[in-house]
Amino acid sequence: MLITTTPTIEGTQITRYCGIVAGEAILGANLFKDLFAGVRVS
């Protein structure tokens, strides 16, 4: 099975088009702690 985001694949016939796929991400409570973990104030 090939999965791609392009409408064509050279040398291959597309047999099924699944349409648009959407996703969601939930950011945790430690978002800023994780982002700035490497930043230190001198």
N, C-alpha and C. Protein backbone atom coordinates (compact mmCIF):
# COMPACT_ATOMS: atom_id res chain seq x y z
N MET A 1 0.84 -1.16 0.00
CA MET A 1 0.00 0.00 0.00
C MET A 1 0.89 1.24 0.00
N LEU A 2 0.62 2.14 -0.90
CA LEU A 2 1.33 3.42 -0.95
C LEU A 2 0.41 4.50 -0.42
N ILE A 3 0.95 5.35 0.40
CA ILE A 3 0.18 6.48 0.92
C ILE A 3 0.92 7.74 0.51
N THR A 4 0.21 8.67 -0.11
CA THR A 4 0.84 9.88 -0.60
C THR A 4 -0.09 11.07 -0.46
N THR A 5 0.48 12.27 -0.53
CA THR A 5 -0.33 13.49 -0.48
C THR A 5 -0.45 14.12 -1.86
N THR A 6 0.12 13.49 -2.87
CA THR A 6 0.06 14.01 -4.22
C THR A 6 -1.07 13.33 -4.99
N PRO A 7 -1.63 14.00 -5.99
CA PRO A 7 -2.74 13.40 -6.75
C PRO A 7 -2.33 12.32 -7.73
N THR A 8 -1.03 12.23 -8.07
CA THR A 8 -0.56 11.21 -9.01
C THR A 8 0.74 10.59 -8.52
N ILE A 9 1.00 9.36 -8.96
CA ILE A 9 2.26 8.68 -8.71
C ILE A 9 2.75 8.18 -10.06
N GLU A 10 3.94 8.60 -10.45
CA GLU A 10 4.45 8.24 -11.77
C GLU A 10 4.61 6.72 -11.89
N GLY A 11 4.05 6.15 -12.94
CA GLY A 11 4.17 4.73 -13.21
C GLY A 11 3.21 3.85 -12.43
N THR A 12 2.28 4.45 -11.69
CA THR A 12 1.34 3.69 -10.87
C THR A 12 -0.08 4.17 -11.12
N GLN A 13 -1.01 3.24 -11.20
CA GLN A 13 -2.41 3.59 -11.35
C GLN A 13 -3.06 3.67 -9.97
N ILE A 14 -3.73 4.77 -9.71
CA ILE A 14 -4.41 4.94 -8.43
C ILE A 14 -5.76 4.24 -8.50
N THR A 15 -6.01 3.31 -7.58
CA THR A 15 -7.25 2.53 -7.60
C THR A 15 -8.28 3.06 -6.62
N ARG A 16 -7.85 3.82 -5.60
CA ARG A 16 -8.81 4.34 -4.62
C ARG A 16 -8.31 5.66 -4.08
N TYR A 17 -9.21 6.64 -4.02
CA TYR A 17 -8.91 7.94 -3.46
C TYR A 17 -9.76 8.10 -2.21
N CYS A 18 -9.11 8.30 -1.07
CA CYS A 18 -9.83 8.32 0.21
C CYS A 18 -10.33 9.70 0.61
N GLY A 19 -9.92 10.74 -0.09
CA GLY A 19 -10.38 12.08 0.23
C GLY A 19 -9.50 12.76 1.26
N ILE A 20 -10.01 13.85 1.81
CA ILE A 20 -9.26 14.65 2.76
C ILE A 20 -9.30 13.99 4.13
N VAL A 21 -8.14 13.93 4.76
CA VAL A 21 -8.03 13.36 6.10
C VAL A 21 -7.68 14.49 7.05
N ALA A 22 -8.39 14.57 8.16
CA ALA A 22 -8.14 15.62 9.15
C ALA A 22 -7.64 14.99 10.44
N GLY A 23 -6.91 15.76 11.21
CA GLY A 23 -6.42 15.27 12.48
C GLY A 23 -6.42 16.37 13.52
N GLU A 24 -6.34 16.00 14.76
CA GLU A 24 -6.31 16.95 15.86
C GLU A 24 -5.18 16.59 16.80
N ALA A 25 -4.65 17.59 17.46
CA ALA A 25 -3.61 17.36 18.47
C ALA A 25 -4.00 18.10 19.74
N ILE A 26 -3.80 17.46 20.85
CA ILE A 26 -4.10 18.08 22.13
C ILE A 26 -2.77 18.40 22.81
N LEU A 27 -2.59 19.67 23.11
CA LEU A 27 -1.35 20.10 23.77
C LEU A 27 -1.53 19.97 25.27
N GLY A 28 -0.54 19.42 25.90
CA GLY A 28 -0.61 19.19 27.33
C GLY A 28 -0.40 20.45 28.15
N ALA A 29 -0.56 20.32 29.44
CA ALA A 29 -0.43 21.44 30.36
C ALA A 29 1.02 21.91 30.47
N ASN A 30 1.97 21.06 30.11
CA ASN A 30 3.38 21.42 30.22
C ASN A 30 3.94 21.96 28.91
N LEU A 31 3.08 22.55 28.09
CA LEU A 31 3.51 23.05 26.78
C LEU A 31 4.67 24.03 26.91
N PHE A 32 4.52 25.07 27.73
CA PHE A 32 5.56 26.09 27.83
C PHE A 32 6.79 25.56 28.56
N LYS A 33 6.59 24.70 29.52
CA LYS A 33 7.72 24.09 30.22
C LYS A 33 8.56 23.27 29.23
N ASP A 34 7.91 22.52 28.37
CA ASP A 34 8.61 21.70 27.38
C ASP A 34 9.31 22.57 26.32
N LEU A 35 8.64 23.64 25.89
CA LEU A 35 9.21 24.49 24.85
C LEU A 35 10.45 25.22 25.33
N PHE A 36 10.42 25.70 26.58
CA PHE A 36 11.52 26.50 27.08
C PHE A 36 12.43 25.74 28.04
N ALA A 37 12.43 24.44 27.96
CA ALA A 37 13.24 23.62 28.86
C ALA A 37 14.74 23.88 28.66
N GLY A 38 15.15 24.19 27.45
CA GLY A 38 16.56 24.42 27.19
C GLY A 38 17.00 25.87 27.39
N VAL A 39 16.05 26.78 27.65
CA VAL A 39 16.38 28.19 27.83
C VAL A 39 16.61 28.46 29.32
N ARG A 40 17.76 29.05 29.61
CA ARG A 40 18.08 29.34 31.01
C ARG A 40 18.39 30.83 31.15
N VAL A 41 18.00 31.40 32.26
CA VAL A 41 18.29 32.80 32.55
C VAL A 41 19.53 32.84 33.42
N SER A 42 20.53 33.63 33.00
CA SER A 42 21.78 33.71 33.77
C SER A 42 21.68 34.74 34.88
